[in-house]
Amino acid sequence: MRPRSGPTVEHRVLAARLRMLRERTGVSLQAAAVALGAHPATVRRIERAETGLDAHQVRVLLERYAVPAEEAEPIMRGLAAANLPGWWHEWRDAMEPWQQEVIGIESSAALIRTWHPALVPELLRTTDYEAALCRTLTAETPSRRDRHLELHAERRRRLRERGAALWALFPAAALRTTVGGPAVMAAQRAVLEEAAHLRRLTVQVVPLDDPPHPMTGVPPVHLLRVPVPEIGDRVVVETPGRVDVVDDPAAVMDHRIRMDAACAAAPHPGTPLPGTGKGPANP
């Protein structure tokens, strides 16, 4: 059974398939638990990808659901990959539990949309900008901060390598907030300006004198879309002292509508950053 580091997408997919197979055949949680000789909560944890996928348990469930061999065999073959730890496993010492869940989804997302009400969004930050924020906003030890920065850099690197689309929206006030000093801010602005040459990156900056929009006053929000039918979109909402990962379709749709409306109201991608003559990103 793989060490716990938050479920990978492969794990989530197999867990979701087990749930759908149970529901398709009309087997209750209680009946599935009886087949396993376990508590119904065990079946629920398996279906929510909250525990490793044990081959014996999975086989018993597939037999209980009368799944034909041609459908069951791919599931059994996929167990080994699903039980592998995520790439982020080695940085668990620098992560909160919610980060393991979020990064597990982020790592396979084809599209990430992000809003921050006051700062440059996390996946666009330079290492120096992120380090300055950590020193100011957290009480991390130097060693833990270094690990955090390693993880941050690895997330950005993998995002680029995968060619995932990132669409960021934030206010111009973020560029007026000096994080780490003028040199750090100059380097951060340069990264945003260079984004104009990256076709998978879209940046929209809301001018200081724009009227309120649907994301005004909303805390940091991230929408994650994984191109796998078994996994619905997720929304991550960050509030002081709490982070919520939302998967309810109605709630996700509400956040998406707000984000769409705010992006529609913001300057078109490619509009120069405040104070420069260069555009931040292509559409």
Protein backbone atom coordinates (compact mmCIF):
# COMPACT_ATOMS: atom_id res chain seq x y z
CA MET A 1 0.00 0.00 0.00
CA ARG A 2 1.49 3.33 -0.98
CA PRO A 3 2.63 5.85 1.63
CA ARG A 4 0.05 8.53 2.20
CA SER A 5 0.85 11.71 0.32
CA GLY A 6 -2.59 12.67 -0.90
CA PRO A 7 -4.27 10.70 -3.69
CA THR A 8 -3.00 10.93 -7.23
CA VAL A 9 -5.45 11.36 -10.08
CA GLU A 10 -4.93 7.70 -11.03
CA HIS A 11 -6.01 6.73 -7.52
CA ARG A 12 -9.04 9.04 -7.65
CA VAL A 13 -10.12 7.59 -10.99
CA LEU A 14 -10.08 3.98 -9.77
CA ALA A 15 -11.83 4.94 -6.53
CA ALA A 16 -14.54 6.75 -8.51
CA ARG A 17 -14.97 3.73 -10.81
CA LEU A 18 -15.49 1.46 -7.82
CA ARG A 19 -18.20 3.78 -6.53
CA MET A 20 -19.90 3.95 -9.91
CA LEU A 21 -19.79 0.16 -10.28
CA ARG A 22 -21.40 -0.29 -6.87
CA GLU A 23 -24.11 2.24 -7.64
CA ARG A 24 -24.68 0.75 -11.11
CA THR A 25 -25.43 -2.65 -9.64
CA GLY A 26 -27.52 -1.30 -6.77
CA VAL A 27 -25.28 -2.66 -4.01
CA SER A 28 -25.51 -0.67 -0.78
CA LEU A 29 -22.52 0.46 1.27
CA GLN A 30 -23.62 -1.99 3.95
CA ALA A 31 -23.74 -4.91 1.52
CA ALA A 32 -20.33 -4.03 0.10
CA ALA A 33 -18.93 -3.81 3.62
CA VAL A 34 -20.34 -7.26 4.47
CA ALA A 35 -18.52 -8.70 1.45
CA LEU A 36 -15.28 -7.17 2.75
CA GLY A 37 -15.95 -8.11 6.35
CA ALA A 38 -15.50 -4.46 7.21
CA HIS A 39 -17.43 -1.38 8.33
CA PRO A 40 -19.35 0.65 5.70
CA ALA A 41 -17.01 3.54 6.50
CA THR A 42 -14.18 1.47 5.03
CA VAL A 43 -16.00 1.20 1.70
CA ARG A 44 -16.72 4.93 1.77
CA ARG A 45 -13.04 5.71 2.39
CA ILE A 46 -12.04 3.47 -0.53
CA GLU A 47 -14.51 5.24 -2.81
CA ARG A 48 -13.28 8.67 -1.70
CA ALA A 49 -9.62 7.75 -2.29
CA GLU A 50 -8.93 8.31 1.40
CA THR A 51 -7.03 5.04 1.80
CA GLY A 52 -4.73 2.95 -0.34
CA LEU A 53 -6.27 0.50 -2.79
CA ASP A 54 -5.71 -3.01 -1.44
CA ALA A 55 -5.74 -5.59 -4.26
CA HIS A 56 -7.66 -8.18 -2.24
CA GLN A 57 -10.34 -5.70 -1.21
CA VAL A 58 -10.73 -4.39 -4.75
CA ARG A 59 -11.07 -7.90 -6.17
CA VAL A 60 -13.70 -8.81 -3.56
CA LEU A 61 -15.70 -5.70 -4.39
CA LEU A 62 -15.52 -6.34 -8.14
CA GLU A 63 -16.77 -9.88 -7.57
CA ARG A 64 -19.57 -8.61 -5.34
CA TYR A 65 -20.59 -6.17 -8.07
CA ALA A 66 -20.50 -8.98 -10.65
CA VAL A 67 -18.14 -7.00 -12.85
CA PRO A 68 -17.21 -9.00 -15.98
CA ALA A 69 -13.57 -9.98 -16.41
CA GLU A 70 -12.97 -7.69 -19.39
CA GLU A 71 -14.00 -4.71 -17.24
CA ALA A 72 -12.36 -5.87 -14.01
CA GLU A 73 -8.93 -6.70 -15.42
CA PRO A 74 -7.99 -3.12 -16.42
CA ILE A 75 -8.94 -1.97 -12.92
CA MET A 76 -6.73 -4.61 -11.32
CA ARG A 77 -3.86 -3.76 -13.67
CA GLY A 78 -4.16 -0.10 -12.72
CA LEU A 79 -3.76 -0.70 -8.98
CA ALA A 80 0.03 -0.60 -9.01
CA ALA A 81 0.15 2.83 -10.66
CA ALA A 82 -2.68 4.15 -8.50
CA ASN A 83 -0.85 3.14 -5.32
CA LEU A 84 2.38 4.92 -6.25
CA PRO A 85 3.07 8.05 -4.19
CA GLY A 86 2.68 11.38 -5.96
CA TRP A 87 5.81 13.22 -7.09
CA TRP A 88 5.26 15.69 -4.25
CA HIS A 89 5.66 12.93 -1.64
CA GLU A 90 9.25 13.90 -0.82
CA TRP A 91 8.10 17.39 0.20
CA ARG A 92 5.44 16.24 2.67
CA ASP A 93 7.45 17.74 5.52
CA ALA A 94 6.81 21.21 4.05
CA MET A 95 3.13 20.71 3.21
CA GLU A 96 -0.19 21.09 4.94
CA PRO A 97 -2.68 18.21 4.50
CA TRP A 98 -4.88 20.31 2.20
CA GLN A 99 -1.88 21.05 -0.04
CA GLN A 100 -1.39 17.35 -0.69
CA GLU A 101 -4.96 17.09 -1.94
CA VAL A 102 -4.76 20.25 -4.04
CA ILE A 103 -1.38 19.47 -5.61
CA GLY A 104 -2.58 15.96 -6.38
CA ILE A 105 -5.33 17.46 -8.55
CA GLU A 106 -3.24 20.37 -9.84
CA SER A 107 -0.61 17.93 -11.13
CA SER A 108 -3.03 16.52 -13.70
CA ALA A 109 -5.12 19.61 -14.38
CA ALA A 110 -5.34 20.69 -18.01
CA LEU A 111 -6.56 24.14 -16.97
CA ILE A 112 -5.94 26.16 -13.83
CA ARG A 113 -7.77 29.44 -13.35
CA THR A 114 -6.67 31.55 -10.43
CA TRP A 115 -7.64 34.79 -8.75
CA HIS A 116 -5.84 36.66 -5.99
CA PRO A 117 -7.32 39.87 -4.54
CA ALA A 118 -4.02 41.50 -3.49
CA LEU A 119 -0.93 39.65 -4.70
CA VAL A 120 0.55 38.02 -7.79
CA PRO A 121 -1.04 34.52 -7.95
CA GLU A 122 1.12 31.75 -6.56
CA LEU A 123 1.96 29.88 -9.77
CA LEU A 124 3.19 33.11 -11.39
CA ARG A 125 5.48 34.14 -8.55
CA THR A 126 9.24 34.16 -8.82
CA THR A 127 11.15 32.28 -6.14
CA ASP A 128 12.38 35.55 -4.59
CA TYR A 129 8.84 36.98 -4.49
CA GLU A 130 7.53 33.79 -2.86
CA ALA A 131 10.42 33.75 -0.38
CA ALA A 132 9.76 37.35 0.64
CA LEU A 133 6.10 36.55 1.21
CA CYS A 134 7.00 33.51 3.33
CA ARG A 135 9.28 35.62 5.51
CA THR A 136 6.55 38.20 6.00
CA LEU A 137 3.39 36.13 6.26
CA THR A 138 4.47 32.86 7.89
CA ALA A 139 6.43 31.68 10.90
CA GLU A 140 8.22 28.93 9.00
CA THR A 141 11.72 27.95 10.06
CA PRO A 142 14.45 28.64 7.48
CA SER A 143 14.73 24.93 6.68
CA ARG A 144 11.00 24.50 6.19
CA ARG A 145 10.89 27.69 4.11
CA ASP A 146 13.63 26.32 1.86
CA ARG A 147 11.63 23.13 1.37
CA HIS A 148 8.53 25.17 0.60
CA LEU A 149 10.43 27.12 -2.04
CA GLU A 150 11.77 23.92 -3.59
CA LEU A 151 8.22 22.61 -3.85
CA HIS A 152 6.99 25.90 -5.30
CA ALA A 153 9.69 25.82 -7.98
CA GLU A 154 8.91 22.19 -8.80
CA ARG A 155 5.20 22.93 -9.19
CA ARG A 156 5.96 25.72 -11.65
CA ARG A 157 8.44 23.55 -13.56
CA ARG A 158 5.99 20.68 -13.92
CA LEU A 159 3.22 23.05 -14.97
CA ARG A 160 5.42 24.30 -17.82
CA GLU A 161 6.54 20.81 -18.84
CA ARG A 162 2.98 19.49 -18.98
CA GLY A 163 1.86 22.43 -21.06
CA ALA A 164 -1.14 22.99 -18.81
CA ALA A 165 -3.07 26.20 -19.34
CA LEU A 166 -2.89 28.80 -16.58
CA TRP A 167 -5.30 31.74 -16.58
CA ALA A 168 -4.60 34.30 -13.87
CA LEU A 169 -6.61 37.34 -12.81
CA PHE A 170 -5.45 39.84 -10.21
CA PRO A 171 -5.69 43.56 -9.47
CA ALA A 172 -3.08 46.14 -10.42
CA ALA A 173 -2.70 46.80 -6.69
CA ALA A 174 -0.61 43.61 -6.57
CA LEU A 175 2.02 45.38 -8.67
CA ARG A 176 1.96 48.40 -6.35
CA THR A 177 2.55 46.23 -3.25
CA THR A 178 6.31 46.01 -2.79
CA VAL A 179 7.19 42.43 -1.88
CA GLY A 180 10.86 41.89 -1.08
CA GLY A 181 12.05 45.26 -2.37
CA PRO A 182 12.39 46.98 -5.76
CA ALA A 183 14.72 44.37 -7.27
CA VAL A 184 12.37 41.52 -6.43
CA MET A 185 9.42 43.43 -7.86
CA ALA A 186 11.34 44.31 -11.03
CA ALA A 187 12.14 40.62 -11.59
CA GLN A 188 8.53 39.68 -10.90
CA ARG A 189 7.24 42.22 -13.40
CA ALA A 190 9.72 40.92 -15.97
CA VAL A 191 8.30 37.42 -15.59
CA LEU A 192 4.79 38.73 -16.14
CA GLU A 193 5.91 40.69 -19.19
CA GLU A 194 7.67 37.65 -20.65
CA ALA A 195 4.41 35.73 -20.29
CA ALA A 196 3.30 37.43 -23.51
CA HIS A 197 5.35 34.81 -25.35
CA LEU A 198 3.79 31.78 -23.63
CA ARG A 199 0.75 30.54 -25.51
CA ARG A 200 -0.62 28.46 -22.60
CA LEU A 201 -0.61 31.38 -20.19
CA THR A 202 -3.23 34.11 -19.94
CA VAL A 203 -2.87 37.03 -17.52
CA GLN A 204 -5.44 39.74 -16.88
CA VAL A 205 -4.71 42.66 -14.56
CA VAL A 206 -7.65 44.72 -13.28
CA PRO A 207 -6.80 48.46 -13.30
CA LEU A 208 -6.89 50.40 -10.05
CA ASP A 209 -9.65 52.69 -11.29
CA ASP A 210 -11.95 49.94 -12.58
CA PRO A 211 -15.38 49.57 -10.94
CA PRO A 212 -16.12 46.56 -8.70
CA HIS A 213 -16.49 43.22 -10.47
CA PRO A 214 -17.86 39.81 -9.39
CA MET A 215 -14.56 38.77 -7.75
CA THR A 216 -14.14 42.00 -5.79
CA GLY A 217 -13.65 41.17 -2.11
CA VAL A 218 -13.40 37.44 -2.82
CA PRO A 219 -10.42 35.63 -1.22
CA PRO A 220 -7.94 33.69 -3.36
CA VAL A 221 -9.77 31.19 -5.57
CA HIS A 222 -8.42 28.50 -7.87
CA LEU A 223 -10.46 26.45 -10.37
CA LEU A 224 -8.88 23.14 -11.40
CA ARG A 225 -10.05 21.13 -14.40
CA VAL A 226 -8.77 17.58 -14.93
CA PRO A 227 -9.64 16.10 -18.35
CA VAL A 228 -10.92 12.85 -16.87
CA PRO A 229 -14.69 12.17 -16.77
CA GLU A 230 -14.53 10.48 -13.36
CA ILE A 231 -13.17 13.62 -11.73
CA GLY A 232 -15.23 16.77 -11.66
CA ASP A 233 -13.84 20.28 -11.47
CA ARG A 234 -12.55 21.45 -8.11
CA VAL A 235 -12.48 24.91 -6.56
CA VAL A 236 -9.95 25.83 -3.89
CA VAL A 237 -10.93 28.78 -1.67
CA GLU A 238 -8.30 30.21 0.67
CA THR A 239 -9.43 32.17 3.74
CA PRO A 240 -7.31 33.11 6.77
CA GLY A 241 -6.69 29.95 8.78
CA ARG A 242 -8.72 27.75 6.43
CA VAL A 243 -8.65 26.29 2.93
CA ASP A 244 -11.71 24.61 1.41
CA VAL A 245 -11.59 22.23 -1.54
CA VAL A 246 -15.05 22.32 -3.15
CA ASP A 247 -16.32 19.60 -5.47
CA ASP A 248 -20.08 20.21 -5.32
CA PRO A 249 -21.05 20.86 -8.96
CA ALA A 250 -23.46 23.70 -8.12
CA ALA A 251 -20.91 25.49 -5.96
CA VAL A 252 -18.18 24.98 -8.57
CA MET A 253 -20.46 26.42 -11.25
CA ASP A 254 -21.18 29.47 -9.09
CA HIS A 255 -17.46 30.17 -8.73
CA ARG A 256 -16.92 29.64 -12.46
CA ILE A 257 -19.68 32.09 -13.36
CA ARG A 258 -18.17 34.71 -11.06
CA MET A 259 -14.72 34.17 -12.55
CA ASP A 260 -16.06 34.32 -16.10
CA ALA A 261 -17.86 37.59 -15.42
CA ALA A 262 -14.80 39.15 -13.76
CA CYS A 263 -12.56 38.12 -16.67
CA ALA A 264 -15.07 39.50 -19.16
CA ALA A 265 -15.01 42.84 -17.33
CA ALA A 266 -11.21 42.99 -17.08
CA PRO A 267 -8.92 44.35 -19.81
CA HIS A 268 -8.34 41.93 -22.66
CA PRO A 269 -5.29 39.66 -22.29
CA GLY A 270 -2.33 41.36 -23.93
CA THR A 271 -3.11 44.76 -22.43
CA PRO A 272 0.14 46.30 -21.15
CA LEU A 273 0.92 45.94 -17.49
CA PRO A 274 0.39 49.16 -15.53
CA GLY A 275 3.47 51.32 -15.96
CA THR A 276 4.87 49.47 -18.97
CA GLY A 277 4.30 49.28 -22.69
CA LYS A 278 4.48 45.49 -22.76
CA GLY A 279 1.59 43.05 -22.69
CA PRO A 280 1.37 40.39 -19.97
CA ALA A 281 0.00 37.50 -21.98
CA ASN A 282 -1.61 36.30 -25.14
CA PRO A 283 -5.24 35.19 -25.21
